Amino acid sequence: MGNLLKVIFLGIAGFALLVYFTAEKPKQIVADDNVVNIINYKTLPLSYELVGSDEKVKKEVLFPQNKESLVVVGNHDSLAVVKELPKLFEINIPYVMVANISSAPWFVKKLFIPGKLEELNKDTNIPMIYDMDGKMVNALGVVDNSKTKFFAYKITDAGTISKIYEGVVKEGALDGTMSTDEIKQTLKPLFELL
């Protein structure tokens, strides 16, 4: 019995060391206030991995040129609220959600997050970008990855991208801590800007 416990303990310890030594360090995003960041259509990544899809999608398919689009970047709790936007308001502009998960440990990105995002996005027809490497977040200049904040960007028909709104949701919104009225109040300012 003692040998079995030693083997189990050494197996767990070995696995923990393997994860620790092979994990990539999170990318540090540094904002420089002295530099004016001009974001336009050309700065966006060329292809994206979508939640629930095995194939990459080209930029032109997701964001057609000469058409307005809304891009909402968020994390777990905020995306649970943002996905309700078309259910609560009539929106005439196509929009895409971006899962800001680039700072999560690689092990979590590979095993846990894809399933959670698929579950989160299963009842919607809104494309959700699985931004594992942070290319979309970096292109938009998002430096905050807290789970209760979301950032809305509008891509104009001229190809310029501007941040139009920054919102905050209640902690635990993913678990249903926000009522429909609270969700509506959170999303109303964004809807009014559209």
Protein backbone atom coordinates (compact mmCIF):
# COMPACT_ATOMS: atom_id res chain seq x y z
CA MET A 1 0.00 0.00 0.00
CA GLY A 2 2.85 2.36 0.88
CA ASN A 3 4.55 1.75 -2.47
CA LEU A 4 1.32 2.51 -4.32
CA LEU A 5 1.01 5.86 -2.53
CA LYS A 6 4.65 6.66 -3.36
CA VAL A 7 4.05 5.90 -7.05
CA ILE A 8 0.90 8.03 -7.12
CA PHE A 9 2.62 10.90 -5.31
CA LEU A 10 5.68 10.75 -7.58
CA GLY A 11 3.43 10.60 -10.66
CA ILE A 12 1.54 13.72 -9.58
CA ALA A 13 4.76 15.51 -8.65
CA GLY A 14 6.36 14.53 -11.97
CA PHE A 15 3.33 15.74 -13.91
CA ALA A 16 3.33 19.06 -11.99
CA LEU A 17 7.03 19.55 -12.73
CA LEU A 18 6.48 18.71 -16.40
CA VAL A 19 3.73 21.33 -16.65
CA TYR A 20 5.78 23.90 -14.73
CA PHE A 21 8.93 23.53 -16.82
CA THR A 22 7.25 23.30 -20.22
CA ALA A 23 4.67 26.06 -19.79
CA GLU A 24 5.14 29.18 -21.85
CA LYS A 25 5.40 32.40 -19.94
CA PRO A 26 2.37 34.65 -20.50
CA LYS A 27 2.98 37.43 -22.97
CA GLN A 28 3.35 40.75 -21.28
CA ILE A 29 1.37 43.45 -23.04
CA VAL A 30 2.93 46.82 -22.45
CA ALA A 31 1.03 49.96 -23.32
CA ASP A 32 2.98 53.05 -24.20
CA ASP A 33 0.90 56.18 -23.65
CA ASN A 34 3.31 58.29 -25.71
CA VAL A 35 2.57 56.37 -28.90
CA VAL A 36 -0.62 56.95 -30.84
CA ASN A 37 -1.94 53.60 -31.94
CA ILE A 38 -3.82 53.76 -35.18
CA ILE A 39 -5.91 50.67 -35.58
CA ASN A 40 -7.25 49.82 -38.99
CA TYR A 41 -8.47 46.84 -40.91
CA LYS A 42 -4.99 46.02 -42.21
CA THR A 43 -3.59 45.53 -38.69
CA LEU A 44 -5.99 42.68 -37.91
CA PRO A 45 -4.70 39.10 -38.12
CA LEU A 46 -5.24 37.33 -41.47
CA SER A 47 -7.06 34.30 -40.05
CA TYR A 48 -8.86 33.25 -36.89
CA GLU A 49 -9.73 30.12 -34.99
CA LEU A 50 -13.42 30.13 -34.10
CA VAL A 51 -14.96 28.41 -31.11
CA GLY A 52 -16.63 25.21 -32.25
CA SER A 53 -14.86 25.09 -35.61
CA ASP A 54 -11.86 23.02 -36.62
CA GLU A 55 -10.88 25.21 -39.57
CA LYS A 56 -9.42 28.69 -39.52
CA VAL A 57 -11.53 31.49 -40.96
CA LYS A 58 -10.06 34.26 -43.09
CA LYS A 59 -10.35 37.88 -42.03
CA GLU A 60 -12.37 38.79 -45.12
CA VAL A 61 -15.05 36.21 -44.27
CA LEU A 62 -15.42 37.31 -40.66
CA PHE A 63 -15.01 41.04 -41.27
CA PRO A 64 -16.02 41.86 -44.86
CA GLN A 65 -14.30 44.96 -46.21
CA ASN A 66 -16.40 48.10 -46.74
CA LYS A 67 -18.92 46.89 -44.14
CA GLU A 68 -19.38 47.98 -40.56
CA SER A 69 -18.80 45.38 -37.87
CA LEU A 70 -18.81 45.29 -34.10
CA VAL A 71 -16.05 43.47 -32.22
CA VAL A 72 -16.48 42.78 -28.52
CA VAL A 73 -13.46 41.54 -26.56
CA GLY A 74 -14.10 39.95 -23.23
CA ASN A 75 -13.41 37.20 -20.79
CA HIS A 76 -15.57 34.52 -19.17
CA ASP A 77 -18.09 36.55 -17.19
CA SER A 78 -18.30 39.46 -19.62
CA LEU A 79 -18.83 37.22 -22.67
CA ALA A 80 -21.71 35.48 -20.87
CA VAL A 81 -23.43 38.88 -20.72
CA VAL A 82 -22.39 40.21 -24.15
CA LYS A 83 -23.79 37.15 -25.92
CA GLU A 84 -27.27 38.31 -24.83
CA LEU A 85 -27.01 41.53 -26.86
CA PRO A 86 -29.02 40.35 -29.90
CA LYS A 87 -31.65 38.75 -27.65
CA LEU A 88 -32.31 41.97 -25.74
CA PHE A 89 -31.82 44.60 -28.47
CA GLU A 90 -32.37 44.79 -32.20
CA ILE A 91 -28.93 45.14 -33.75
CA ASN A 92 -28.45 45.83 -37.45
CA ILE A 93 -24.69 45.47 -37.44
CA PRO A 94 -22.93 42.07 -37.51
CA TYR A 95 -20.69 41.42 -34.56
CA VAL A 96 -18.02 39.06 -33.39
CA MET A 97 -16.97 38.17 -29.86
CA VAL A 98 -13.30 37.67 -29.00
CA ALA A 99 -12.37 35.41 -26.09
CA ASN A 100 -9.44 37.16 -24.42
CA ILE A 101 -7.68 34.08 -23.04
CA SER A 102 -4.13 34.71 -24.20
CA SER A 103 -2.75 35.17 -20.68
CA ALA A 104 -4.10 31.85 -19.37
CA PRO A 105 -1.56 29.06 -18.79
CA TRP A 106 -1.09 26.85 -21.85
CA PHE A 107 -2.36 23.77 -20.04
CA VAL A 108 -5.65 25.51 -19.21
CA LYS A 109 -5.92 26.86 -22.79
CA LYS A 110 -5.56 23.40 -24.26
CA LEU A 111 -7.73 21.34 -21.92
CA PHE A 112 -10.38 23.43 -20.19
CA ILE A 113 -11.09 26.67 -22.02
CA PRO A 114 -12.22 25.28 -25.42
CA GLY A 115 -15.00 23.24 -23.82
CA LYS A 116 -16.13 26.12 -21.61
CA LEU A 117 -16.24 28.51 -24.57
CA GLU A 118 -18.19 26.04 -26.70
CA GLU A 119 -20.67 25.63 -23.87
CA LEU A 120 -20.91 29.41 -23.47
CA ASN A 121 -21.47 29.99 -27.19
CA LYS A 122 -23.70 26.98 -27.99
CA ASP A 123 -27.08 28.78 -28.07
CA THR A 124 -25.93 31.66 -30.25
CA ASN A 125 -25.03 32.17 -33.88
CA ILE A 126 -22.46 34.82 -33.01
CA PRO A 127 -18.94 33.96 -34.16
CA MET A 128 -16.50 33.80 -31.24
CA ILE A 129 -12.78 34.06 -31.90
CA TYR A 130 -10.63 31.75 -29.80
CA ASP A 131 -7.70 34.14 -29.37
CA MET A 132 -5.23 31.69 -27.86
CA ASP A 133 -2.05 33.48 -28.95
CA GLY A 134 -3.36 37.01 -28.33
CA LYS A 135 -2.96 38.30 -31.90
CA MET A 136 -6.43 39.87 -32.06
CA VAL A 137 -6.14 41.37 -28.57
CA ASN A 138 -2.73 42.83 -29.41
CA ALA A 139 -4.00 44.21 -32.74
CA LEU A 140 -6.80 46.02 -30.92
CA GLY A 141 -4.53 47.20 -28.12
CA VAL A 142 -6.45 45.57 -25.27
CA VAL A 143 -4.25 45.49 -22.17
CA ASP A 144 -6.84 44.58 -19.53
CA ASN A 145 -7.82 40.93 -19.26
CA SER A 146 -10.00 41.00 -16.15
CA LYS A 147 -12.92 38.62 -16.38
CA THR A 148 -15.59 41.23 -15.67
CA LYS A 149 -14.64 43.83 -18.30
CA PHE A 150 -15.49 43.94 -21.98
CA PHE A 151 -14.37 46.28 -24.74
CA ALA A 152 -16.38 47.13 -27.84
CA TYR A 153 -14.74 48.21 -31.09
CA LYS A 154 -16.41 49.33 -34.28
CA ILE A 155 -14.91 48.62 -37.67
CA THR A 156 -16.16 51.29 -40.05
CA ASP A 157 -16.84 50.80 -43.74
CA ALA A 158 -13.69 52.85 -44.36
CA GLY A 159 -11.62 50.27 -42.46
CA THR A 160 -10.81 52.26 -39.33
CA ILE A 161 -11.29 50.63 -35.95
CA SER A 162 -12.18 52.61 -32.88
CA LYS A 163 -12.99 51.68 -29.33
CA ILE A 164 -16.55 52.80 -28.66
CA TYR A 165 -17.33 51.36 -25.25
CA GLU A 166 -15.81 49.74 -22.17
CA GLY A 167 -18.20 47.91 -19.87
CA VAL A 168 -18.14 46.01 -16.60
CA VAL A 169 -20.32 43.11 -15.55
CA LYS A 170 -21.02 41.68 -12.12
CA GLU A 171 -18.57 39.12 -10.73
CA GLY A 172 -19.86 35.61 -11.38
CA ALA A 173 -22.09 36.57 -14.33
CA LEU A 174 -21.11 33.31 -16.01
CA ASP A 175 -22.83 31.47 -13.17
CA GLY A 176 -26.03 33.50 -13.49
CA THR A 177 -25.54 36.16 -10.81
CA MET A 178 -27.04 38.86 -13.07
CA SER A 179 -30.75 39.17 -13.73
CA THR A 180 -32.11 39.93 -17.20
CA ASP A 181 -32.75 43.53 -16.12
CA GLU A 182 -29.15 43.91 -14.90
CA ILE A 183 -27.85 42.48 -18.16
CA LYS A 184 -30.05 44.86 -20.13
CA GLN A 185 -28.82 47.85 -18.10
CA THR A 186 -25.20 46.78 -18.66
CA LEU A 187 -25.63 46.46 -22.44
CA LYS A 188 -27.92 49.45 -23.01
CA PRO A 189 -25.10 52.06 -23.25
CA LEU A 190 -23.35 49.93 -25.89
CA PHE A 191 -26.57 49.52 -27.86
CA GLU A 192 -27.18 53.28 -27.79
CA LEU A 193 -23.73 53.89 -29.28
CA LEU A 194 -24.56 51.67 -32.24
